[in-house]
Structure formats: C-alpha cells, structure tokens
Amino acid sequence: MLVEIQKCGKGGHKASAAAESAHVSKSKSVTGMIKEKVTTEWPESIVRLAGAWKDLSLAEEERANLGQDVERAALQATHEAVAKREMDRR
C-alpha cells in the first residue's frame, strides 16, 4: 500500500508532532497509525452472515442442463458448406 502524506493545514503539524513525541520518523509514525486502525478480522456483523443464504451452484451443476456440445468438426463442415453456397451464388 502506498500512502502519500502532504503537509497541509493542521494535520501535517499533528503528524510531525506525533512522530517527534514517539521519537520516530514521520513515515514510521504513520505506518504505526495505519497498523493500529487496520484490522485483519471481519467485523462480528459480517461473521454472523455466514450461512445466511444458499451457496451458489458449481459451474458443473449449472452446465448439467445445457445439453451436449456440438463437435467442432461438424461446425467446421457446416461453415465450409455455408461458404461454398455463398460462393456458388456469386
């Protein structure tokens, strides 16, 4: 993650003061603040949603009712027959 901090208004001064009081660089200070605020766990409200709706079907299950694929060779032969008819018309 890339975070760009610009010194603008009072926020820049607060960041500098926080870094100085912790005796670290501004970069390390900001990194520490981000690590404090960023969580690696889902909120409880999201965790409670587990199992709340039916799982999606697998692709194989969805394709089961689609019928059989046409063989490529047959498609090629059909394409060639259509192309020949078009040439004969001209």
C-alpha atoms as a PDB file:
ATOM      1  CA  MET A   1       0.000   0.000   0.000  1.00  0.00           C
ATOM      2  CA  LEU A   2       1.272   3.435  -0.865  1.00  0.00           C
ATOM      3  CA  VAL A   3       0.200   6.357   1.292  1.00  0.00           C
ATOM      4  CA  GLU A   4       1.176   9.867   0.374  1.00  0.00           C
ATOM      5  CA  ILE A   5       1.084  12.479   3.102  1.00  0.00           C
ATOM      6  CA  GLN A   6       1.179  16.105   2.215  1.00  0.00           C
ATOM      7  CA  LYS A   7       1.834  18.790   4.742  1.00  0.00           C
ATOM      8  CA  CYS A   8      -1.305  20.825   4.533  1.00  0.00           C
ATOM      9  CA  GLY A   9      -3.120  22.658   7.275  1.00  0.00           C
ATOM     10  CA  LYS A  10      -3.042  21.489  10.892  1.00  0.00           C
ATOM     11  CA  GLY A  11      -2.984  17.763  10.009  1.00  0.00           C
ATOM     12  CA  GLY A  12       0.596  17.947   8.794  1.00  0.00           C
ATOM     13  CA  HIS A  13       1.730  19.589  12.006  1.00  0.00           C
ATOM     14  CA  LYS A  14      -0.089  16.981  14.100  1.00  0.00           C
ATOM     15  CA  ALA A  15       1.623  14.177  12.179  1.00  0.00           C
ATOM     16  CA  SER A  16       5.012  15.803  12.716  1.00  0.00           C
ATOM     17  CA  ALA A  17       4.333  16.351  16.426  1.00  0.00           C
ATOM     18  CA  ALA A  18       3.182  12.728  16.883  1.00  0.00           C
ATOM     19  CA  ALA A  19       6.320  11.451  15.180  1.00  0.00           C
ATOM     20  CA  GLU A  20       8.580  13.673  17.249  1.00  0.00           C
ATOM     21  CA  SER A  21       6.955  12.671  20.540  1.00  0.00           C
ATOM     22  CA  ALA A  22       7.353   8.969  19.652  1.00  0.00           C
ATOM     23  CA  HIS A  23      10.953   9.604  18.568  1.00  0.00           C
ATOM     24  CA  VAL A  24      10.411   8.031  15.139  1.00  0.00           C
ATOM     25  CA  SER A  25      10.299   9.305  11.585  1.00  0.00           C
ATOM     26  CA  LYS A  26       7.018  10.588  10.173  1.00  0.00           C
ATOM     27  CA  SER A  27       6.928   7.550   7.912  1.00  0.00           C
ATOM     28  CA  LYS A  28       7.218   5.120  10.849  1.00  0.00           C
ATOM     29  CA  SER A  29       4.680   7.131  12.820  1.00  0.00           C
ATOM     30  CA  VAL A  30       2.128   6.989  10.027  1.00  0.00           C
ATOM     31  CA  THR A  31       2.832   3.292   9.474  1.00  0.00           C
ATOM     32  CA  GLY A  32       2.119   2.680  13.150  1.00  0.00           C
ATOM     33  CA  MET A  33      -1.149   4.623  12.990  1.00  0.00           C
ATOM     34  CA  ILE A  34      -2.286   2.663   9.950  1.00  0.00           C
ATOM     35  CA  LYS A  35      -1.439  -0.664  11.599  1.00  0.00           C
ATOM     36  CA  GLU A  36      -3.438   0.373  14.675  1.00  0.00           C
ATOM     37  CA  LYS A  37      -6.518   1.229  12.631  1.00  0.00           C
ATOM     38  CA  VAL A  38      -6.449  -1.560  10.041  1.00  0.00           C
ATOM     39  CA  THR A  39      -7.940  -4.844  11.134  1.00  0.00           C
ATOM     40  CA  THR A  40      -7.243  -8.328   9.845  1.00  0.00           C
ATOM     41  CA  GLU A  41     -10.518  -9.808  11.061  1.00  0.00           C
ATOM     42  CA  TRP A  42     -14.081  -9.455   9.781  1.00  0.00           C
ATOM     43  CA  PRO A  43     -16.455  -7.413  11.939  1.00  0.00           C
ATOM     44  CA  GLU A  44     -18.871  -9.533  14.022  1.00  0.00           C
ATOM     45  CA  SER A  45     -21.839  -8.255  11.973  1.00  0.00           C
ATOM     46  CA  ILE A  46     -20.273  -9.808   8.875  1.00  0.00           C
ATOM     47  CA  VAL A  47     -19.244 -13.034  10.616  1.00  0.00           C
ATOM     48  CA  ARG A  48     -22.883 -13.574  11.665  1.00  0.00           C
ATOM     49  CA  LEU A  49     -23.916 -13.543   7.986  1.00  0.00           C
ATOM     50  CA  ALA A  50     -22.083 -16.827   7.339  1.00  0.00           C
ATOM     51  CA  GLY A  51     -24.642 -19.359   6.112  1.00  0.00           C
ATOM     52  CA  ALA A  52     -27.362 -16.716   5.805  1.00  0.00           C
ATOM     53  CA  TRP A  53     -28.010 -17.566   2.144  1.00  0.00           C
ATOM     54  CA  LYS A  54     -27.751 -20.589  -0.086  1.00  0.00           C
ATOM     55  CA  ASP A  55     -24.382 -21.265  -1.678  1.00  0.00           C
ATOM     56  CA  LEU A  56     -24.088 -20.643  -5.402  1.00  0.00           C
ATOM     57  CA  SER A  57     -24.153 -23.662  -7.675  1.00  0.00           C
ATOM     58  CA  LEU A  58     -20.933 -25.041  -9.049  1.00  0.00           C
ATOM     59  CA  ALA A  59     -20.295 -24.471 -12.755  1.00  0.00           C
ATOM     60  CA  GLU A  60     -20.651 -28.199 -13.446  1.00  0.00           C
ATOM     61  CA  GLU A  61     -24.114 -28.202 -11.858  1.00  0.00           C
ATOM     62  CA  GLU A  62     -25.162 -25.191 -13.924  1.00  0.00           C
ATOM     63  CA  ARG A  63     -23.971 -26.780 -17.158  1.00  0.00           C
ATOM     64  CA  ALA A  64     -25.670 -30.127 -16.471  1.00  0.00           C
ATOM     65  CA  ASN A  65     -28.956 -28.982 -18.051  1.00  0.00           C
ATOM     66  CA  LEU A  66     -27.483 -27.221 -21.080  1.00  0.00           C
ATOM     67  CA  GLY A  67     -27.360 -30.246 -23.376  1.00  0.00           C
ATOM     68  CA  GLN A  68     -24.451 -31.582 -25.382  1.00  0.00           C
ATOM     69  CA  ASP A  69     -21.831 -29.572 -27.178  1.00  0.00           C
ATOM     70  CA  VAL A  70     -21.655 -29.835 -30.948  1.00  0.00           C
ATOM     71  CA  GLU A  71     -18.425 -31.325 -32.222  1.00  0.00           C
ATOM     72  CA  ARG A  72     -16.034 -28.781 -33.699  1.00  0.00           C
ATOM     73  CA  ALA A  73     -15.517 -30.842 -36.864  1.00  0.00           C
ATOM     74  CA  ALA A  74     -19.254 -30.689 -37.556  1.00  0.00           C
ATOM     75  CA  LEU A  75     -19.198 -26.934 -37.068  1.00  0.00           C
ATOM     76  CA  GLN A  76     -16.268 -26.640 -39.451  1.00  0.00           C
ATOM     77  CA  ALA A  77     -18.093 -28.719 -42.071  1.00  0.00           C
ATOM     78  CA  THR A  78     -21.200 -26.554 -41.676  1.00  0.00           C
ATOM     79  CA  HIS A  79     -19.111 -23.401 -42.047  1.00  0.00           C
ATOM     80  CA  GLU A  80     -17.486 -24.758 -45.195  1.00  0.00           C
ATOM     81  CA  ALA A  81     -20.897 -25.714 -46.657  1.00  0.00           C
ATOM     82  CA  VAL A  82     -22.267 -22.212 -45.998  1.00  0.00           C
ATOM     83  CA  ALA A  83     -19.164 -20.607 -47.512  1.00  0.00           C
ATOM     84  CA  LYS A  84     -19.483 -22.831 -50.620  1.00  0.00           C
ATOM     85  CA  ARG A  85     -23.156 -21.860 -51.074  1.00  0.00           C
ATOM     86  CA  GLU A  86     -22.210 -18.197 -50.831  1.00  0.00           C
ATOM     87  CA  MET A  87     -19.512 -18.652 -53.492  1.00  0.00           C
ATOM     88  CA  ASP A  88     -21.935 -20.524 -55.772  1.00  0.00           C
ATOM     89  CA  ARG A  89     -24.465 -17.660 -55.535  1.00  0.00           C
ATOM     90  CA  ARG A  90     -21.916 -15.187 -56.866  1.00  0.00           C
END
